[in-house]
């Protein structure tokens, strides 16, 4: 069970496909799901105890036998909701799943987040990120899942000036005529843990910790505000990450990840941007395929067709935005090179779904290799997380000093 402000997710997992029916009961609001061929057992009953008092949508949950061979789940709701109930085929280490996503009937306005005072850095634990539960340390990485091929092509990267931070001359952002909004995307989340370190650390945990520290540092800058695309341990589909950033009218989009490889000696940081014409290397292509698997592992309801998401993902007028993304990426890469070795000395490109906003310069930062034991330890260290956040912010400020944002455009709001 994954409660969050945006929605609450409940997942059932079994060896066979689920046969189910769902319906609403009014006065009071209840969501009812009947499961055919599933016996009520201790594991199913234990779900009720997992409902948290602070869940924004579920008040209580009940499990009972409805009729012979049919178990019934009843969710007592706190407010009007718009649920999605859908099955998922086995993928990675997951078996058959039934996903119950409970969204509010009236989605919250993401722009309200900008009106809140900056969250103090103390709200997040200063302690290092904890490792995964014991069983996870023994679980191998999920097998590679076939994804649509991304053709490798030669991409001419513009000849951009080397942007290196001189510690005696920190980048100064010119006085802005309006608030500069940076969307910060912590990779993976919820049922999608991302890569796992040999010490049991989950990528989703370190990316969220770094994202929160980056937001805290951005919020201290005059005229700048960071917005967390994901602010807790829950899953957000890749297309929704793009759309959420557009709804808050973000000027820049930074997706934070931790790399992994089969050999533990791979190390260093990398920065990526979108490519319209194929990947700049086979490694970039493989990484994009792996990151784009997030929707398959985390679970997306493919039956829901959102025209705004479709337009976002199909928009090919990205040339100017990609060039700006390369400039931003080069600035950030130069700053990160001061605190960590670089796995690649230049910004690479590939077809990352999460970077496909047609009007927002967007980069994906692979902070380090979580599969490298030394870098895994550093990624869990609060001090090093702060250094990474400061380096990313330094690159953002360097980029803005040469590329101040223009007047804000009207973007899709639904």
Protein backbone atom coordinates (compact mmCIF):
# COMPACT_ATOMS: atom_id res chain seq x y z
CA UNK A 1 0.00 0.00 0.00
CA UNK A 2 1.45 3.36 -1.09
CA UNK A 3 -0.43 6.43 0.27
CA UNK A 4 0.43 9.88 -1.07
CA UNK A 5 -1.20 13.27 -1.56
CA UNK A 6 -1.62 12.68 -5.29
CA UNK A 7 -3.17 9.23 -4.98
CA UNK A 8 -3.11 6.04 -2.92
CA UNK A 9 -2.08 2.76 -4.52
CA UNK A 10 -3.03 -0.69 -3.23
CA UNK A 11 -1.48 -3.70 -4.97
CA UNK A 12 -2.35 -7.38 -4.79
CA UNK A 13 0.09 -9.96 -6.16
CA UNK A 14 -0.56 -13.58 -7.07
CA UNK A 15 0.55 -16.49 -9.20
CA UNK A 16 -2.50 -16.31 -11.49
CA UNK A 17 -4.32 -13.45 -13.26
CA UNK A 18 -6.98 -11.80 -11.08
CA UNK A 19 -10.68 -12.09 -11.92
CA UNK A 20 -12.40 -9.07 -10.40
CA UNK A 21 -15.33 -6.66 -10.47
CA UNK A 22 -15.39 -3.21 -8.90
CA UNK A 23 -18.21 -0.77 -8.12
CA UNK A 24 -19.16 2.21 -5.94
CA UNK A 25 -21.59 2.42 -3.03
CA UNK A 26 -22.77 5.89 -1.93
CA UNK A 27 -23.75 7.35 1.46
CA UNK A 28 -21.12 6.84 2.72
CA UNK A 29 -18.59 6.61 -0.10
CA UNK A 30 -17.21 3.09 -0.53
CA UNK A 31 -15.24 1.28 -3.22
CA UNK A 32 -16.03 -2.44 -3.46
CA UNK A 33 -13.89 -5.02 -5.26
CA UNK A 34 -14.97 -8.63 -5.64
CA UNK A 35 -12.22 -11.17 -6.29
CA UNK A 36 -13.27 -14.46 -7.83
CA UNK A 37 -11.36 -17.60 -6.92
CA UNK A 38 -9.37 -15.91 -4.15
CA UNK A 39 -9.76 -17.22 -0.62
CA UNK A 40 -9.69 -14.88 2.36
CA UNK A 41 -6.41 -15.58 4.13
CA UNK A 42 -4.14 -13.92 6.66
CA UNK A 43 -2.19 -12.10 3.96
CA UNK A 44 -5.36 -10.57 2.53
CA UNK A 45 -6.64 -9.64 5.99
CA UNK A 46 -3.30 -7.98 6.78
CA UNK A 47 -4.01 -5.33 4.14
CA UNK A 48 -6.56 -3.71 6.44
CA UNK A 49 -3.88 -3.07 9.06
CA UNK A 50 -1.74 -1.27 6.49
CA UNK A 51 -4.22 1.61 6.07
CA UNK A 52 -2.59 4.63 7.70
CA UNK A 53 -4.46 7.28 9.66
CA UNK A 54 -2.94 9.99 7.47
CA UNK A 55 -4.04 8.35 4.20
CA UNK A 56 -5.82 11.20 2.37
CA UNK A 57 -8.41 8.95 0.70
CA UNK A 58 -8.91 5.63 2.54
CA UNK A 59 -10.50 5.67 6.00
CA UNK A 60 -10.62 1.92 6.61
CA UNK A 61 -10.52 -1.31 4.64
CA UNK A 62 -12.49 -4.50 5.24
CA UNK A 63 -12.03 -8.02 3.89
CA UNK A 64 -14.71 -10.72 3.96
CA UNK A 65 -16.22 -13.65 2.08
CA UNK A 66 -19.01 -12.33 -0.16
CA UNK A 67 -20.20 -15.70 -1.44
CA UNK A 68 -18.57 -19.09 -2.03
CA UNK A 69 -15.41 -18.61 -4.06
CA UNK A 70 -15.60 -14.80 -3.98
CA UNK A 71 -13.71 -12.51 -1.58
CA UNK A 72 -14.78 -8.89 -1.16
CA UNK A 73 -12.62 -5.86 -0.38
CA UNK A 74 -14.44 -2.77 0.88
CA UNK A 75 -12.62 0.57 1.04
CA UNK A 76 -14.35 3.13 3.26
CA UNK A 77 -13.39 6.48 1.76
CA UNK A 78 -12.75 9.89 3.28
CA UNK A 79 -13.80 11.86 0.21
CA UNK A 80 -15.06 11.53 -3.34
CA UNK A 81 -12.55 9.65 -5.44
CA UNK A 82 -11.90 8.58 -9.01
CA UNK A 83 -10.38 5.09 -8.83
CA UNK A 84 -8.60 3.04 -11.46
CA UNK A 85 -8.56 -0.74 -11.01
CA UNK A 86 -6.49 -2.69 -13.52
CA UNK A 87 -4.38 -5.86 -13.85
CA UNK A 88 -0.67 -6.06 -14.67
CA UNK A 89 1.10 -9.00 -16.26
CA UNK A 90 4.28 -10.38 -14.64
CA UNK A 91 7.37 -8.23 -15.10
CA UNK A 92 10.80 -8.32 -13.48
CA UNK A 93 10.49 -9.90 -10.05
CA UNK A 94 6.74 -9.25 -9.84
CA UNK A 95 4.05 -11.87 -10.49
CA UNK A 96 0.50 -11.07 -11.66
CA UNK A 97 -0.75 -7.88 -9.99
CA UNK A 98 -4.06 -6.15 -9.43
CA UNK A 99 -3.56 -2.42 -8.97
CA UNK A 100 -6.07 -0.18 -7.21
CA UNK A 101 -5.20 3.49 -7.72
CA UNK A 102 -7.44 5.86 -5.76
CA UNK A 103 -7.26 9.41 -7.13
CA UNK A 104 -9.22 12.41 -5.82
CA UNK A 105 -12.34 13.30 -7.81
CA UNK A 106 -10.95 16.82 -8.10
CA UNK A 107 -7.16 16.78 -8.63
CA UNK A 108 -5.15 19.12 -6.46
CA UNK A 109 -3.74 22.20 -8.13
CA UNK A 110 0.06 21.65 -8.35
CA UNK A 111 0.62 25.42 -8.48
CA UNK A 112 -0.48 25.58 -4.83
CA UNK A 113 2.83 23.92 -3.96
CA UNK A 114 4.57 27.12 -4.97
CA UNK A 115 2.60 29.08 -2.39
CA UNK A 116 3.85 26.94 0.49
CA UNK A 117 6.89 28.16 2.40
CA UNK A 118 10.08 26.24 1.60
CA UNK A 119 10.34 22.96 3.51
CA UNK A 120 13.17 23.06 6.06
CA UNK A 121 16.02 20.71 5.33
CA UNK A 122 15.54 19.35 8.82
CA UNK A 123 12.21 17.83 7.81
CA UNK A 124 14.12 15.11 6.04
CA UNK A 125 16.27 12.91 8.20
CA UNK A 126 19.88 13.95 8.36
CA UNK A 127 20.72 10.29 8.85
CA UNK A 128 22.06 8.38 5.87
CA UNK A 129 19.57 6.57 3.70
CA UNK A 130 18.90 3.16 5.16
CA UNK A 131 19.40 0.00 3.22
CA UNK A 132 16.58 -2.13 1.89
CA UNK A 133 14.94 -4.84 4.01
CA UNK A 134 17.03 -7.97 4.42
CA UNK A 135 15.36 -10.00 1.64
CA UNK A 136 16.10 -7.29 -0.89
CA UNK A 137 19.82 -7.67 -0.37
CA UNK A 138 19.57 -11.17 -1.75
CA UNK A 139 17.28 -10.34 -4.67
CA UNK A 140 19.07 -10.04 -8.01
CA UNK A 141 18.37 -7.15 -10.30
CA UNK A 142 15.27 -7.69 -12.46
CA UNK A 143 16.06 -9.16 -15.86
CA UNK A 144 16.22 -6.83 -18.81
CA UNK A 145 12.81 -6.39 -20.43
CA UNK A 146 12.61 -5.89 -24.13
CA UNK A 147 11.73 -2.31 -25.00
CA UNK A 148 11.07 -0.68 -28.36
CA UNK A 149 14.46 -0.39 -30.05
CA UNK A 150 16.09 3.01 -30.17
CA UNK A 151 18.22 3.33 -33.23
CA UNK A 152 21.80 4.41 -32.65
CA UNK A 153 22.68 7.37 -34.79
CA UNK A 154 25.40 9.95 -35.04
CA UNK A 155 24.18 13.10 -33.35
CA UNK A 156 25.94 16.36 -33.93
CA UNK A 157 26.15 18.01 -30.55
CA UNK A 158 26.47 21.78 -30.81
CA UNK A 159 29.92 23.10 -30.07
CA UNK A 160 29.17 24.63 -26.72
CA UNK A 161 31.68 26.44 -24.53
CA UNK A 162 33.15 24.53 -21.62
CA UNK A 163 31.41 25.68 -18.49
CA UNK A 164 33.63 25.21 -15.48
CA UNK A 165 32.95 26.69 -12.08
CA UNK A 166 35.69 28.89 -10.72
CA UNK A 167 35.35 28.70 -6.94
CA UNK A 168 36.56 32.28 -6.71
CA UNK A 169 33.85 33.44 -9.08
CA UNK A 170 30.61 31.62 -8.31
CA UNK A 171 27.93 31.87 -10.95
CA UNK A 172 25.61 34.80 -10.41
CA UNK A 173 22.07 34.53 -11.65
CA UNK A 174 20.90 37.85 -13.07
CA UNK A 175 18.00 39.49 -11.27
CA UNK A 176 14.91 37.75 -12.55
CA UNK A 177 11.77 39.55 -13.57
CA UNK A 178 9.76 36.56 -12.36
CA UNK A 179 10.07 33.39 -10.30
CA UNK A 180 12.25 30.69 -11.87
CA UNK A 181 10.74 27.26 -11.29
CA UNK A 182 12.88 24.11 -11.36
CA UNK A 183 11.05 20.78 -11.49
CA UNK A 184 13.06 18.15 -9.59
CA UNK A 185 12.21 14.57 -10.48
CA UNK A 186 13.37 11.85 -8.08
CA UNK A 187 13.64 8.78 -10.27
CA UNK A 188 11.54 5.65 -9.68
CA UNK A 189 9.45 5.26 -6.48
CA UNK A 190 6.86 3.00 -4.91
CA UNK A 191 6.75 -0.42 -6.53
CA UNK A 192 9.57 0.61 -8.88
CA UNK A 193 12.69 0.60 -6.67
CA UNK A 194 15.09 1.32 -9.53
CA UNK A 195 18.58 -0.12 -9.26
CA UNK A 196 19.80 -1.81 -6.08
CA UNK A 197 23.23 -1.52 -4.57
CA UNK A 198 25.11 -4.54 -3.32
CA UNK A 199 24.54 -3.26 0.19
CA UNK A 200 20.76 -3.25 -0.34
CA UNK A 201 20.30 0.46 -1.06
CA UNK A 202 17.40 1.31 -3.36
CA UNK A 203 17.85 3.91 -6.08
CA UNK A 204 14.40 5.37 -5.33
CA UNK A 205 15.52 6.26 -1.78
CA UNK A 206 18.77 8.05 -2.62
CA UNK A 207 17.21 9.95 -5.53
CA UNK A 208 14.43 11.26 -3.27
CA UNK A 209 16.93 12.27 -0.58
CA UNK A 210 19.07 14.17 -3.10
CA UNK A 211 15.99 15.74 -4.70
CA UNK A 212 14.79 17.07 -1.34
CA UNK A 213 18.21 18.57 -0.62
CA UNK A 214 18.32 20.15 -4.07
CA UNK A 215 14.89 21.70 -3.52
CA UNK A 216 15.97 23.08 -0.14
CA UNK A 217 19.05 24.70 -1.70
CA UNK A 218 17.12 26.12 -4.68
CA UNK A 219 14.47 27.60 -2.38
CA UNK A 220 17.19 29.59 -0.60
CA UNK A 221 18.12 31.33 -3.87
CA UNK A 222 16.36 34.67 -4.46
CA UNK A 223 13.82 34.42 -7.25
CA UNK A 224 14.01 30.61 -7.52
CA UNK A 225 11.76 27.81 -6.36
CA UNK A 226 12.16 24.04 -6.58
CA UNK A 227 9.14 21.79 -7.09
CA UNK A 228 9.38 18.09 -6.27
CA UNK A 229 7.72 15.95 -8.93
CA UNK A 230 7.75 13.07 -6.42
CA UNK A 231 7.88 13.97 -2.73
CA UNK A 232 7.39 10.52 -1.21
CA UNK A 233 7.75 6.80 -1.81
CA UNK A 234 5.13 6.27 -4.51
CA UNK A 235 5.12 5.61 -8.23
CA UNK A 236 4.44 8.25 -10.91
CA UNK A 237 4.25 7.21 -14.59
CA UNK A 238 6.88 8.82 -16.80
CA UNK A 239 4.37 10.77 -18.89
CA UNK A 240 2.73 12.18 -15.76
CA UNK A 241 6.11 13.42 -14.54
CA UNK A 242 6.41 15.42 -17.75
CA UNK A 243 2.85 16.72 -17.53
CA UNK A 244 3.16 17.68 -13.86
CA UNK A 245 6.24 19.76 -14.67
CA UNK A 246 4.35 21.56 -17.43
CA UNK A 247 1.39 22.22 -15.16
CA UNK A 248 3.58 24.06 -12.66
CA UNK A 249 5.09 25.94 -15.64
CA UNK A 250 8.62 24.79 -14.83
CA UNK A 251 11.50 26.57 -16.53
CA UNK A 252 13.89 23.62 -16.11
CA UNK A 253 13.47 19.89 -15.44
CA UNK A 254 16.12 17.82 -13.64
CA UNK A 255 15.59 14.07 -13.24
CA UNK A 256 17.86 12.49 -10.61
CA UNK A 257 18.97 8.85 -10.86
CA UNK A 258 21.72 6.47 -9.75
CA UNK A 259 23.36 4.30 -12.39
CA UNK A 260 24.02 0.55 -12.21
CA UNK A 261 26.08 -2.01 -14.10
CA UNK A 262 26.69 -5.74 -13.84
CA UNK A 263 30.33 -5.18 -12.87
CA UNK A 264 30.95 -3.40 -9.55
CA UNK A 265 33.94 -1.39 -10.80
CA UNK A 266 31.87 0.94 -13.02
CA UNK A 267 31.93 4.41 -11.47
CA UNK A 268 31.37 8.10 -12.07
CA UNK A 269 28.61 10.57 -12.88
CA UNK A 270 26.87 11.22 -16.19
CA UNK A 271 24.37 13.70 -17.61
CA UNK A 272 21.90 12.95 -20.39
CA UNK A 273 19.56 14.91 -22.65
CA UNK A 274 16.88 13.85 -25.11
CA UNK A 275 17.73 12.88 -28.68
CA UNK A 276 15.29 12.96 -31.60
CA UNK A 277 17.57 10.97 -33.87
CA UNK A 278 18.79 8.06 -31.82
CA UNK A 279 21.29 7.57 -29.03
CA UNK A 280 24.83 8.94 -29.06
CA UNK A 281 26.18 5.59 -27.85
CA UNK A 282 25.07 2.03 -27.27
CA UNK A 283 25.41 2.61 -23.52
CA UNK A 284 23.10 5.63 -23.69
CA UNK A 285 20.58 3.59 -25.67
CA UNK A 286 20.66 0.76 -23.11
CA UNK A 287 20.27 3.20 -20.22
CA UNK A 288 17.25 4.86 -21.88
CA UNK A 289 15.66 1.47 -22.43
CA UNK A 290 16.19 0.55 -18.79
CA UNK A 291 14.82 3.84 -17.44
CA UNK A 292 11.85 3.67 -19.81
CA UNK A 293 10.94 0.30 -18.27
CA UNK A 294 9.85 2.19 -15.15
CA UNK A 295 6.23 2.27 -16.33
CA UNK A 296 6.21 -1.50 -16.82
CA UNK A 297 7.62 -2.20 -13.35
CA UNK A 298 5.77 0.56 -11.49
CA UNK A 299 2.50 -0.21 -13.27
CA UNK A 300 0.58 2.06 -15.66
CA UNK A 301 -3.08 1.78 -16.59
CA UNK A 302 -2.82 1.64 -20.38
CA UNK A 303 -6.60 1.82 -20.67
CA UNK A 304 -6.64 5.49 -19.73
CA UNK A 305 -6.12 7.75 -22.73
CA UNK A 306 -5.15 11.32 -21.88
CA UNK A 307 -4.90 13.57 -24.95
CA UNK A 308 -2.63 16.00 -23.12
CA UNK A 309 -0.14 13.22 -22.34
CA UNK A 310 -0.36 11.98 -25.91
CA UNK A 311 0.39 15.42 -27.33
CA UNK A 312 3.29 15.81 -24.94
CA UNK A 313 4.91 12.52 -25.89
CA UNK A 314 4.33 12.88 -29.63
CA UNK A 315 5.45 16.49 -29.99
CA UNK A 316 8.56 16.48 -32.18
CA UNK A 317 9.24 20.22 -32.27
CA UNK A 318 12.04 19.84 -29.76
CA UNK A 319 15.12 21.17 -31.53
CA UNK A 320 15.45 24.45 -29.60
CA UNK A 321 14.60 22.80 -26.30
CA UNK A 322 17.15 20.02 -26.87
CA UNK A 323 19.87 22.58 -27.59
CA UNK A 324 19.04 24.35 -24.32
CA UNK A 325 19.03 20.97 -22.56
CA UNK A 326 22.54 20.32 -23.85
CA UNK A 327 23.71 23.69 -22.53
CA UNK A 328 22.14 22.99 -19.14
CA UNK A 329 23.58 19.47 -19.09
CA UNK A 330 27.06 20.70 -19.93
CA UNK A 331 26.92 23.26 -17.12
CA UNK A 332 25.77 20.68 -14.57
CA UNK A 333 28.31 18.11 -15.75
CA UNK A 334 31.11 20.63 -15.27
CA UNK A 335 30.05 21.27 -11.68
CA UNK A 336 29.63 17.59 -10.79
CA UNK A 337 33.11 16.93 -12.17
CA UNK A 338 34.46 18.95 -9.24
CA UNK A 339 33.12 16.48 -6.65
CA UNK A 340 33.13 13.12 -8.46
CA UNK A 341 34.80 11.40 -11.38
CA UNK A 342 32.84 11.56 -14.63
CA UNK A 343 31.77 8.35 -16.31
CA UNK A 344 31.35 10.29 -19.55
CA UNK A 345 33.10 13.59 -20.24
CA UNK A 346 30.27 15.02 -22.36
CA UNK A 347 26.49 15.13 -22.28
CA UNK A 348 25.03 12.02 -23.89
CA UNK A 349 21.68 11.73 -25.64
CA UNK A 350 19.00 9.05 -26.05
CA UNK A 351 15.22 8.64 -26.15
CA UNK A 352 14.38 9.09 -22.46
CA UNK A 353 10.59 9.29 -22.08
CA UNK A 354 10.86 11.45 -18.96
CA UNK A 355 12.76 14.17 -20.89
CA UNK A 356 10.12 14.66 -23.59
CA UNK A 357 8.61 17.97 -22.49
CA UNK A 358 8.58 19.97 -25.74
CA UNK A 359 9.04 23.33 -24.03
CA UNK A 360 11.22 22.72 -20.94
CA UNK A 361 15.01 22.23 -21.06
CA UNK A 362 15.38 18.82 -19.42
CA UNK A 363 18.29 16.70 -18.23
CA UNK A 364 18.74 13.35 -16.50
CA UNK A 365 21.58 13.18 -13.96
CA UNK A 366 23.08 9.79 -13.12
CA UNK A 367 24.67 10.88 -9.85
CA UNK A 368 26.91 7.82 -9.40
CA UNK A 369 26.93 4.03 -9.75
CA UNK A 370 24.88 2.52 -6.95
CA UNK A 371 26.25 -0.86 -8.07
CA UNK A 372 29.75 0.29 -7.06
CA UNK A 373 30.13 -0.40 -3.30
CA UNK A 374 32.22 2.74 -2.70
CA UNK A 375 29.84 5.01 -4.60
CA UNK A 376 26.84 3.34 -2.93
CA UNK A 377 28.27 4.33 0.47
CA UNK A 378 28.78 7.90 -0.72
CA UNK A 379 25.25 8.12 -2.14
CA UNK A 380 23.87 7.24 1.31
CA UNK A 381 25.96 9.92 3.03
CA UNK A 382 24.02 13.10 3.88
CA UNK A 383 27.09 15.31 3.37
CA UNK A 384 27.74 13.89 -0.07
CA UNK A 385 24.08 14.27 -0.99
CA UNK A 386 24.40 17.96 -0.13
CA UNK A 387 27.50 18.24 -2.33
CA UNK A 388 25.68 16.64 -5.25
CA UNK A 389 22.73 18.98 -4.78
CA UNK A 390 25.07 21.99 -4.61
CA UNK A 391 26.84 20.89 -7.80
CA UNK A 392 23.56 20.52 -9.68
CA UNK A 393 22.41 23.91 -8.41
CA UNK A 394 25.75 25.42 -9.44
CA UNK A 395 25.22 24.15 -12.97
CA UNK A 396 21.66 25.49 -13.04
CA UNK A 397 22.86 28.92 -11.93
CA UNK A 398 25.67 28.85 -14.49
CA UNK A 399 23.13 28.04 -17.21
CA UNK A 400 20.71 30.77 -16.07
CA UNK A 401 23.49 33.36 -15.98
CA UNK A 402 23.83 32.95 -19.76
CA UNK A 403 20.25 31.92 -20.56
CA UNK A 404 17.75 33.88 -18.45
CA UNK A 405 14.17 32.61 -18.80
CA UNK A 406 11.80 34.37 -21.14
CA UNK A 407 8.27 35.46 -20.36
CA UNK A 408 6.25 32.53 -19.16
CA UNK A 409 4.16 30.76 -21.78
CA UNK A 410 0.67 29.45 -21.19
CA UNK A 411 0.82 25.67 -20.88
CA UNK A 412 -1.67 22.86 -20.62
CA UNK A 413 -3.41 22.83 -17.27
CA UNK A 414 -5.54 19.71 -17.54
